[in-house]
PDB file of N, CA and C in Angstrom:
ATOM      1  N   MET A   1     -16.553  -2.893  33.726  1.00  0.00           N
ATOM      2  CA  MET A   1     -16.928  -3.119  32.356  1.00  0.00           C
ATOM      3  C   MET A   1     -18.282  -3.834  32.338  1.00  0.00           C
ATOM      4  N   ALA A   2     -19.206  -3.303  31.576  1.00  0.00           N
ATOM      5  CA  ALA A   2     -20.536  -3.895  31.485  1.00  0.00           C
ATOM      6  C   ALA A   2     -20.508  -5.063  30.519  1.00  0.00           C
ATOM      7  N   ILE A   3     -21.214  -6.085  30.850  1.00  0.00           N
ATOM      8  CA  ILE A   3     -21.306  -7.256  29.977  1.00  0.00           C
ATOM      9  C   ILE A   3     -22.759  -7.373  29.556  1.00  0.00           C
ATOM     10  N   THR A   4     -22.958  -7.438  28.253  1.00  0.00           N
ATOM     11  CA  THR A   4     -24.316  -7.560  27.743  1.00  0.00           C
ATOM     12  C   THR A   4     -24.476  -8.930  27.105  1.00  0.00           C
ATOM     13  N   PRO A   5     -25.689  -9.463  27.109  1.00  0.00           N
ATOM     14  CA  PRO A   5     -25.899 -10.767  26.486  1.00  0.00           C
ATOM     15  C   PRO A   5     -25.788 -10.665  24.966  1.00  0.00           C
ATOM     16  N   LYS A   6     -25.473 -11.770  24.345  1.00  0.00           N
ATOM     17  CA  LYS A   6     -25.386 -11.843  22.889  1.00  0.00           C
ATOM     18  C   LYS A   6     -26.743 -11.485  22.298  1.00  0.00           C
ATOM     19  N   PRO A   7     -26.783 -10.618  21.273  1.00  0.00           N
ATOM     20  CA  PRO A   7     -28.073 -10.241  20.702  1.00  0.00           C
ATOM     21  C   PRO A   7     -28.775 -11.445  20.083  1.00  0.00           C
ATOM     22  N   LYS A   8     -30.084 -11.453  20.209  1.00  0.00           N
ATOM     23  CA  LYS A   8     -30.873 -12.545  19.638  1.00  0.00           C
ATOM     24  C   LYS A   8     -31.110 -12.268  18.172  1.00  0.00           C
ATOM     25  N   ARG A   9     -31.014 -13.302  17.376  1.00  0.00           N
ATOM     26  CA  ARG A   9     -31.235 -13.165  15.938  1.00  0.00           C
ATOM     27  C   ARG A   9     -32.731 -13.026  15.684  1.00  0.00           C
ATOM     28  N   ILE A  10     -33.085 -12.022  14.922  1.00  0.00           N
ATOM     29  CA  ILE A  10     -34.486 -11.763  14.613  1.00  0.00           C
ATOM     30  C   ILE A  10     -34.773 -12.340  13.234  1.00  0.00           C
ATOM     31  N   ALA A  11     -35.817 -13.109  13.135  1.00  0.00           N
ATOM     32  CA  ALA A  11     -36.185 -13.712  11.860  1.00  0.00           C
ATOM     33  C   ALA A  11     -36.718 -12.638  10.916  1.00  0.00           C
ATOM     34  N   ALA A  12     -36.389 -12.786   9.627  1.00  0.00           N
ATOM     35  CA  ALA A  12     -36.871 -11.846   8.620  1.00  0.00           C
ATOM     36  C   ALA A  12     -38.367 -12.024   8.433  1.00  0.00           C
ATOM     37  N   PRO A  13     -39.083 -10.949   8.146  1.00  0.00           N
ATOM     38  CA  PRO A  13     -40.522 -11.068   7.900  1.00  0.00           C
ATOM     39  C   PRO A  13     -40.786 -12.011   6.726  1.00  0.00           C
ATOM     40  N   ALA A  14     -41.930 -12.659   6.733  1.00  0.00           N
ATOM     41  CA  ALA A  14     -42.295 -13.595   5.670  1.00  0.00           C
ATOM     42  C   ALA A  14     -42.314 -12.874   4.325  1.00  0.00           C
ATOM     43  N   GLY A  15     -41.800 -13.536   3.305  1.00  0.00           N
ATOM     44  CA  GLY A  15     -41.817 -12.970   1.959  1.00  0.00           C
ATOM     45  C   GLY A  15     -40.615 -12.105   1.631  1.00  0.00           C
ATOM     46  N   VAL A  16     -39.682 -11.950   2.553  1.00  0.00           N
ATOM     47  CA  VAL A  16     -38.503 -11.130   2.297  1.00  0.00           C
ATOM     48  C   VAL A  16     -37.302 -12.051   2.125  1.00  0.00           C
ATOM     49  N   ASP A  17     -36.655 -11.980   0.971  1.00  0.00           N
ATOM     50  CA  ASP A  17     -35.459 -12.783   0.706  1.00  0.00           C
ATOM     51  C   ASP A  17     -34.244 -11.926   1.042  1.00  0.00           C
ATOM     52  N   VAL A  18     -33.751 -12.073   2.261  1.00  0.00           N
ATOM     53  CA  VAL A  18     -32.665 -11.241   2.756  1.00  0.00           C
ATOM     54  C   VAL A  18     -31.398 -11.444   1.934  1.00  0.00           C
ATOM     55  N   GLU A  19     -31.085 -12.679   1.598  1.00  0.00           N
ATOM     56  CA  GLU A  19     -29.866 -12.963   0.826  1.00  0.00           C
ATOM     57  C   GLU A  19     -29.924 -12.284  -0.544  1.00  0.00           C
ATOM     58  N   ALA A  20     -31.081 -12.282  -1.196  1.00  0.00           N
ATOM     59  CA  ALA A  20     -31.228 -11.628  -2.496  1.00  0.00           C
ATOM     60  C   ALA A  20     -31.036 -10.120  -2.354  1.00  0.00           C
ATOM     61  N   LEU A  21     -31.557  -9.568  -1.272  1.00  0.00           N
ATOM     62  CA  LEU A  21     -31.419  -8.136  -1.024  1.00  0.00           C
ATOM     63  C   LEU A  21     -29.957  -7.762  -0.817  1.00  0.00           C
ATOM     64  N   ILE A  22     -29.240  -8.572  -0.043  1.00  0.00           N
ATOM     65  CA  ILE A  22     -27.821  -8.306   0.204  1.00  0.00           C
ATOM     66  C   ILE A  22     -27.012  -8.464  -1.077  1.00  0.00           C
ATOM     67  N   SER A  23     -27.295  -9.501  -1.848  1.00  0.00           N
ATOM     68  CA  SER A  23     -26.559  -9.762  -3.090  1.00  0.00           C
ATOM     69  C   SER A  23     -26.803  -8.682  -4.136  1.00  0.00           C
ATOM     70  N   LYS A  24     -27.978  -8.099  -4.107  1.00  0.00           N
ATOM     71  CA  LYS A  24     -28.329  -7.062  -5.080  1.00  0.00           C
ATOM     72  C   LYS A  24     -27.378  -5.875  -4.973  1.00  0.00           C
ATOM     73  N   GLY A  25     -26.961  -5.553  -3.764  1.00  0.00           N
ATOM     74  CA  GLY A  25     -26.068  -4.416  -3.575  1.00  0.00           C
ATOM     75  C   GLY A  25     -26.819  -3.121  -3.766  1.00  0.00           C
ATOM     76  N   GLY A  26     -26.095  -2.086  -4.075  1.00  0.00           N
ATOM     77  CA  GLY A  26     -26.732  -0.792  -4.267  1.00  0.00           C
ATOM     78  C   GLY A  26     -25.712   0.235  -4.706  1.00  0.00           C
ATOM     79  N   SER A  27     -26.136   1.439  -4.774  1.00  0.00           N
ATOM     80  CA  SER A  27     -25.240   2.515  -5.170  1.00  0.00           C
ATOM     81  C   SER A  27     -25.032   3.440  -3.984  1.00  0.00           C
ATOM     82  N   THR A  28     -24.032   4.267  -4.106  1.00  0.00           N
ATOM     83  CA  THR A  28     -23.767   5.218  -3.039  1.00  0.00           C
ATOM     84  C   THR A  28     -24.798   6.331  -3.087  1.00  0.00           C
ATOM     85  N   PRO A  29     -25.150   6.870  -1.935  1.00  0.00           N
ATOM     86  CA  PRO A  29     -26.127   7.954  -1.943  1.00  0.00           C
ATOM     87  C   PRO A  29     -25.516   9.199  -2.570  1.00  0.00           C
ATOM     88  N   GLY A  30     -26.330   9.973  -3.170  1.00  0.00           N
ATOM     89  CA  GLY A  30     -25.841  11.199  -3.773  1.00  0.00           C
ATOM     90  C   GLY A  30     -26.928  11.860  -4.583  1.00  0.00           C
ATOM     91  N   LYS A  31     -26.569  12.948  -5.186  1.00  0.00           N
ATOM     92  CA  LYS A  31     -27.518  13.695  -5.993  1.00  0.00           C
ATOM     93  C   LYS A  31     -27.807  12.918  -7.269  1.00  0.00           C
ATOM     94  N   PRO A  32     -29.080  12.716  -7.596  1.00  0.00           N
ATOM     95  CA  PRO A  32     -29.382  11.988  -8.822  1.00  0.00           C
ATOM     96  C   PRO A  32     -28.921  12.759 -10.058  1.00  0.00           C
ATOM     97  N   LYS A  33     -28.405  12.037 -11.007  1.00  0.00           N
ATOM     98  CA  LYS A  33     -27.952  12.660 -12.245  1.00  0.00           C
ATOM     99  C   LYS A  33     -29.159  12.990 -13.116  1.00  0.00           C
ATOM    100  N   THR A  34     -29.102  14.115 -13.768  1.00  0.00           N
ATOM    101  CA  THR A  34     -30.165  14.481 -14.692  1.00  0.00           C
ATOM    102  C   THR A  34     -29.563  14.632 -16.069  1.00  0.00           C
ATOM    103  N   ASN A  35     -30.410  14.704 -17.062  1.00  0.00           N
ATOM    104  CA  ASN A  35     -29.931  14.904 -18.424  1.00  0.00           C
ATOM    105  C   ASN A  35     -29.479  16.341 -18.648  1.00  0.00           C
ATOM    106  N   GLU A  36     -29.759  17.209 -17.686  1.00  0.00           N
ATOM    107  CA  GLU A  36     -29.422  18.611 -17.835  1.00  0.00           C
ATOM    108  C   GLU A  36     -28.022  18.939 -17.336  1.00  0.00           C
ATOM    109  N   GLU A  37     -27.339  17.980 -16.711  1.00  0.00           N
ATOM    110  CA  GLU A  37     -26.007  18.227 -16.178  1.00  0.00           C
ATOM    111  C   GLU A  37     -25.048  17.149 -16.648  1.00  0.00           C
ATOM    112  N   ALA A  38     -23.793  17.514 -16.775  1.00  0.00           N
ATOM    113  CA  ALA A  38     -22.743  16.554 -17.096  1.00  0.00           C
ATOM    114  C   ALA A  38     -21.499  16.938 -16.310  1.00  0.00           C
ATOM    115  N   ALA A  39     -20.829  15.954 -15.784  1.00  0.00           N
ATOM    116  CA  ALA A  39     -19.589  16.197 -15.043  1.00  0.00           C
ATOM    117  C   ALA A  39     -18.426  16.249 -16.027  1.00  0.00           C
ATOM    118  N   LEU A  40     -17.458  17.092 -15.726  1.00  0.00           N
ATOM    119  CA  LEU A  40     -16.260  17.142 -16.550  1.00  0.00           C
ATOM    120  C   LEU A  40     -15.065  17.454 -15.676  1.00  0.00           C
ATOM    121  N   VAL A  41     -13.897  17.082 -16.175  1.00  0.00           N
ATOM    122  CA  VAL A  41     -12.656  17.356 -15.464  1.00  0.00           C
ATOM    123  C   VAL A  41     -12.049  18.609 -16.073  1.00  0.00           C
ATOM    124  N   LEU A  42     -11.695  19.546 -15.218  1.00  0.00           N
ATOM    125  CA  LEU A  42     -11.122  20.805 -15.678  1.00  0.00           C
ATOM    126  C   LEU A  42      -9.720  20.929 -15.100  1.00  0.00           C
ATOM    127  N   ARG A  43      -8.738  21.044 -15.961  1.00  0.00           N
ATOM    128  CA  ARG A  43      -7.359  21.188 -15.502  1.00  0.00           C
ATOM    129  C   ARG A  43      -6.928  22.637 -15.732  1.00  0.00           C
ATOM    130  N   LEU A  44      -6.509  23.273 -14.662  1.00  0.00           N
ATOM    131  CA  LEU A  44      -6.055  24.664 -14.737  1.00  0.00           C
ATOM    132  C   LEU A  44      -4.653  24.755 -14.157  1.00  0.00           C
ATOM    133  N   PRO A  45      -3.857  25.706 -14.651  1.00  0.00           N
ATOM    134  CA  PRO A  45      -2.545  25.928 -14.038  1.00  0.00           C
ATOM    135  C   PRO A  45      -2.729  26.392 -12.589  1.00  0.00           C
ATOM    136  N   MET A  46      -1.803  26.005 -11.727  1.00  0.00           N
ATOM    137  CA  MET A  46      -1.892  26.368 -10.310  1.00  0.00           C
ATOM    138  C   MET A  46      -1.959  27.880 -10.121  1.00  0.00           C
ATOM    139  N   VAL A  47      -1.312  28.627 -10.981  1.00  0.00           N
ATOM    140  CA  VAL A  47      -1.332  30.092 -10.879  1.00  0.00           C
ATOM    141  C   VAL A  47      -2.772  30.595 -10.994  1.00  0.00           C
ATOM    142  N   MET A  48      -3.526  30.043 -11.939  1.00  0.00           N
ATOM    143  CA  MET A  48      -4.926  30.456 -12.104  1.00  0.00           C
ATOM    144  C   MET A  48      -5.763  30.070 -10.886  1.00  0.00           C
ATOM    145  N   ILE A  49      -5.540  28.869 -10.360  1.00  0.00           N
ATOM    146  CA  ILE A  49      -6.297  28.412  -9.197  1.00  0.00           C
ATOM    147  C   ILE A  49      -6.013  29.317  -7.999  1.00  0.00           C
ATOM    148  N   GLU A  50      -4.752  29.704  -7.823  1.00  0.00           N
ATOM    149  CA  GLU A  50      -4.405  30.606  -6.723  1.00  0.00           C
ATOM    150  C   GLU A  50      -5.066  31.970  -6.906  1.00  0.00           C
ATOM    151  N   GLN A  51      -5.137  32.456  -8.149  1.00  0.00           N
ATOM    152  CA  GLN A  51      -5.808  33.733  -8.411  1.00  0.00           C
ATOM    153  C   GLN A  51      -7.297  33.637  -8.089  1.00  0.00           C
ATOM    154  N   ILE A  52      -7.899  32.505  -8.432  1.00  0.00           N
ATOM    155  CA  ILE A  52      -9.321  32.298  -8.124  1.00  0.00           C
ATOM    156  C   ILE A  52      -9.533  32.310  -6.614  1.00  0.00           C
ATOM    157  N   HIS A  53      -8.655  31.646  -5.877  1.00  0.00           N
ATOM    158  CA  HIS A  53      -8.785  31.606  -4.419  1.00  0.00           C
ATOM    159  C   HIS A  53      -8.674  33.002  -3.811  1.00  0.00           C
ATOM    160  N   VAL A  54      -7.767  33.819  -4.338  1.00  0.00           N
ATOM    161  CA  VAL A  54      -7.627  35.190  -3.836  1.00  0.00           C
ATOM    162  C   VAL A  54      -8.922  35.961  -4.072  1.00  0.00           C
ATOM    163  N   LEU A  55      -9.490  35.829  -5.266  1.00  0.00           N
ATOM    164  CA  LEU A  55     -10.741  36.515  -5.580  1.00  0.00           C
ATOM    165  C   LEU A  55     -11.894  36.015  -4.706  1.00  0.00           C
ATOM    166  N   LEU A  56     -11.935  34.707  -4.465  1.00  0.00           N
ATOM    167  CA  LEU A  56     -13.003  34.152  -3.632  1.00  0.00           C
ATOM    168  C   LEU A  56     -12.917  34.661  -2.201  1.00  0.00           C
ATOM    169  N   LYS A  57     -11.709  34.763  -1.670  1.00  0.00           N
ATOM    170  CA  LYS A  57     -11.538  35.247  -0.300  1.00  0.00           C
ATOM    171  C   LYS A  57     -11.910  36.721  -0.170  1.00  0.00           C
ATOM    172  N   ALA A  58     -11.792  37.474  -1.260  1.00  0.00           N
ATOM    173  CA  ALA A  58     -12.095  38.906  -1.226  1.00  0.00           C
ATOM    174  C   ALA A  58     -13.599  39.176  -1.310  1.00  0.00           C
ATOM    175  N   ARG A  59     -14.377  38.195  -1.698  1.00  0.00           N
ATOM    176  CA  ARG A  59     -15.828  38.401  -1.820  1.00  0.00           C
ATOM    177  C   ARG A  59     -16.465  38.562  -0.456  1.00  0.00           C
ATOM    178  N   PRO A  60     -17.426  39.466  -0.335  1.00  0.00           N
ATOM    179  CA  PRO A  60     -18.096  39.655   0.954  1.00  0.00           C
ATOM    180  C   PRO A  60     -19.003  38.474   1.323  1.00  0.00           C
ATOM    181  N   ILE A  61     -19.550  37.806   0.317  1.00  0.00           N
ATOM    182  CA  ILE A  61     -20.392  36.627   0.551  1.00  0.00           C
ATOM    183  C   ILE A  61     -19.643  35.414   0.017  1.00  0.00           C
ATOM    184  N   LYS A  62     -19.496  34.395   0.861  1.00  0.00           N
ATOM    185  CA  LYS A  62     -18.745  33.201   0.462  1.00  0.00           C
ATOM    186  C   LYS A  62     -19.385  32.545  -0.754  1.00  0.00           C
ATOM    187  N   THR A  63     -18.541  32.159  -1.683  1.00  0.00           N
ATOM    188  CA  THR A  63     -18.961  31.470  -2.896  1.00  0.00           C
ATOM    189  C   THR A  63     -18.011  30.307  -3.126  1.00  0.00           C
ATOM    190  N   SER A  64     -18.546  29.183  -3.561  1.00  0.00           N
ATOM    191  CA  SER A  64     -17.688  28.035  -3.819  1.00  0.00           C
ATOM    192  C   SER A  64     -16.916  28.249  -5.119  1.00  0.00           C
ATOM    193  N   ARG A  65     -15.797  27.558  -5.213  1.00  0.00           N
ATOM    194  CA  ARG A  65     -14.982  27.649  -6.425  1.00  0.00           C
ATOM    195  C   ARG A  65     -15.784  27.147  -7.611  1.00  0.00           C
ATOM    196  N   HIS A  66     -16.560  26.089  -7.422  1.00  0.00           N
ATOM    197  CA  HIS A  66     -17.387  25.542  -8.499  1.00  0.00           C
ATOM    198  C   HIS A  66     -18.360  26.598  -9.027  1.00  0.00           C
ATOM    199  N   ARG A  67     -19.060  27.243  -8.094  1.00  0.00           N
ATOM    200  CA  ARG A  67     -20.036  28.259  -8.502  1.00  0.00           C
ATOM    201  C   ARG A  67     -19.356  29.421  -9.222  1.00  0.00           C
ATOM    202  N   TRP A  68     -18.192  29.818  -8.724  1.00  0.00           N
ATOM    203  CA  TRP A  68     -17.458  30.924  -9.344  1.00  0.00           C
ATOM    204  C   TRP A  68     -17.095  30.575 -10.784  1.00  0.00           C
ATOM    205  N   ILE A  69     -16.629  29.344 -11.008  1.00  0.00           N
ATOM    206  CA  ILE A  69     -16.247  28.920 -12.361  1.00  0.00           C
ATOM    207  C   ILE A  69     -17.474  28.847 -13.260  1.00  0.00           C
ATOM    208  N   VAL A  70     -18.594  28.329 -12.743  1.00  0.00           N
ATOM    209  CA  VAL A  70     -19.823  28.268 -13.543  1.00  0.00           C
ATOM    210  C   VAL A  70     -20.271  29.671 -13.927  1.00  0.00           C
ATOM    211  N   GLU A  71     -20.213  30.623 -12.981  1.00  0.00           N
ATOM    212  CA  GLU A  71     -20.573  32.010 -13.290  1.00  0.00           C
ATOM    213  C   GLU A  71     -19.646  32.587 -14.347  1.00  0.00           C
ATOM    214  N   ALA A  72     -18.347  32.298 -14.256  1.00  0.00           N
ATOM    215  CA  ALA A  72     -17.385  32.816 -15.232  1.00  0.00           C
ATOM    216  C   ALA A  72     -17.670  32.255 -16.626  1.00  0.00           C
ATOM    217  N   VAL A  73     -17.975  30.980 -16.715  1.00  0.00           N
ATOM    218  CA  VAL A  73     -18.299  30.379 -18.011  1.00  0.00           C
ATOM    219  C   VAL A  73     -19.591  30.985 -18.554  1.00  0.00           C
ATOM    220  N   HIS A  74     -20.579  31.180 -17.687  1.00  0.00           N
ATOM    221  CA  HIS A  74     -21.843  31.789 -18.099  1.00  0.00           C
ATOM    222  C   HIS A  74     -21.614  33.190 -18.666  1.00  0.00           C
ATOM    223  N   GLU A  75     -20.821  33.995 -17.960  1.00  0.00           N
ATOM    224  CA  GLU A  75     -20.515  35.359 -18.447  1.00  0.00           C
ATOM    225  C   GLU A  75     -19.835  35.311 -19.812  1.00  0.00           C
ATOM    226  N   LYS A  76     -18.919  34.373 -19.995  1.00  0.00           N
ATOM    227  CA  LYS A  76     -18.212  34.253 -21.272  1.00  0.00           C
ATOM    228  C   LYS A  76     -19.174  33.855 -22.384  1.00  0.00           C
ATOM    229  N   LEU A  77     -20.088  32.935 -22.094  1.00  0.00           N
ATOM    230  CA  LEU A  77     -21.063  32.507 -23.101  1.00  0.00           C
ATOM    231  C   LEU A  77     -21.964  33.677 -23.518  1.00  0.00           C
ATOM    232  N   ILE A  78     -22.395  34.467 -22.549  1.00  0.00           N
ATOM    233  CA  ILE A  78     -23.238  35.624 -22.859  1.00  0.00           C
ATOM    234  C   ILE A  78     -22.455  36.651 -23.698  1.00  0.00           C
ATOM    235  N   ARG A  79     -21.222  36.907 -23.311  1.00  0.00           N
ATOM    236  CA  ARG A  79     -20.390  37.892 -23.994  1.00  0.00           C
ATOM    237  C   ARG A  79     -20.119  37.505 -25.443  1.00  0.00           C
ATOM    238  N   GLU A  80     -19.900  36.209 -25.689  1.00  0.00           N
ATOM    239  CA  GLU A  80     -19.560  35.760 -27.046  1.00  0.00           C
ATOM    240  C   GLU A  80     -20.789  35.351 -27.834  1.00  0.00           C
ATOM    241  N   GLY A  81     -21.961  35.407 -27.188  1.00  0.00           N
ATOM    242  CA  GLY A  81     -23.222  35.195 -27.875  1.00  0.00           C
ATOM    243  C   GLY A  81     -23.435  33.789 -28.308  1.00  0.00           C
TER     244      GLY A  81
END
């Protein structure tokens, strides 16, 4: 078993308040929200979800369930004007 010495503490550069930075916290990384998108919860019967999965598996090019639903809503909006 290798034994390494205790790491030496490195002083923060002048002008940096480390405690303030730590206390500030932050947010989780992710896609920035825009005014053009909104998240929503969609509840569907399991039968419909299973039908969607069957259709997705039959596609020659893989498509996410999210994209498939967005395309379906888009088609409906166009159809109903």
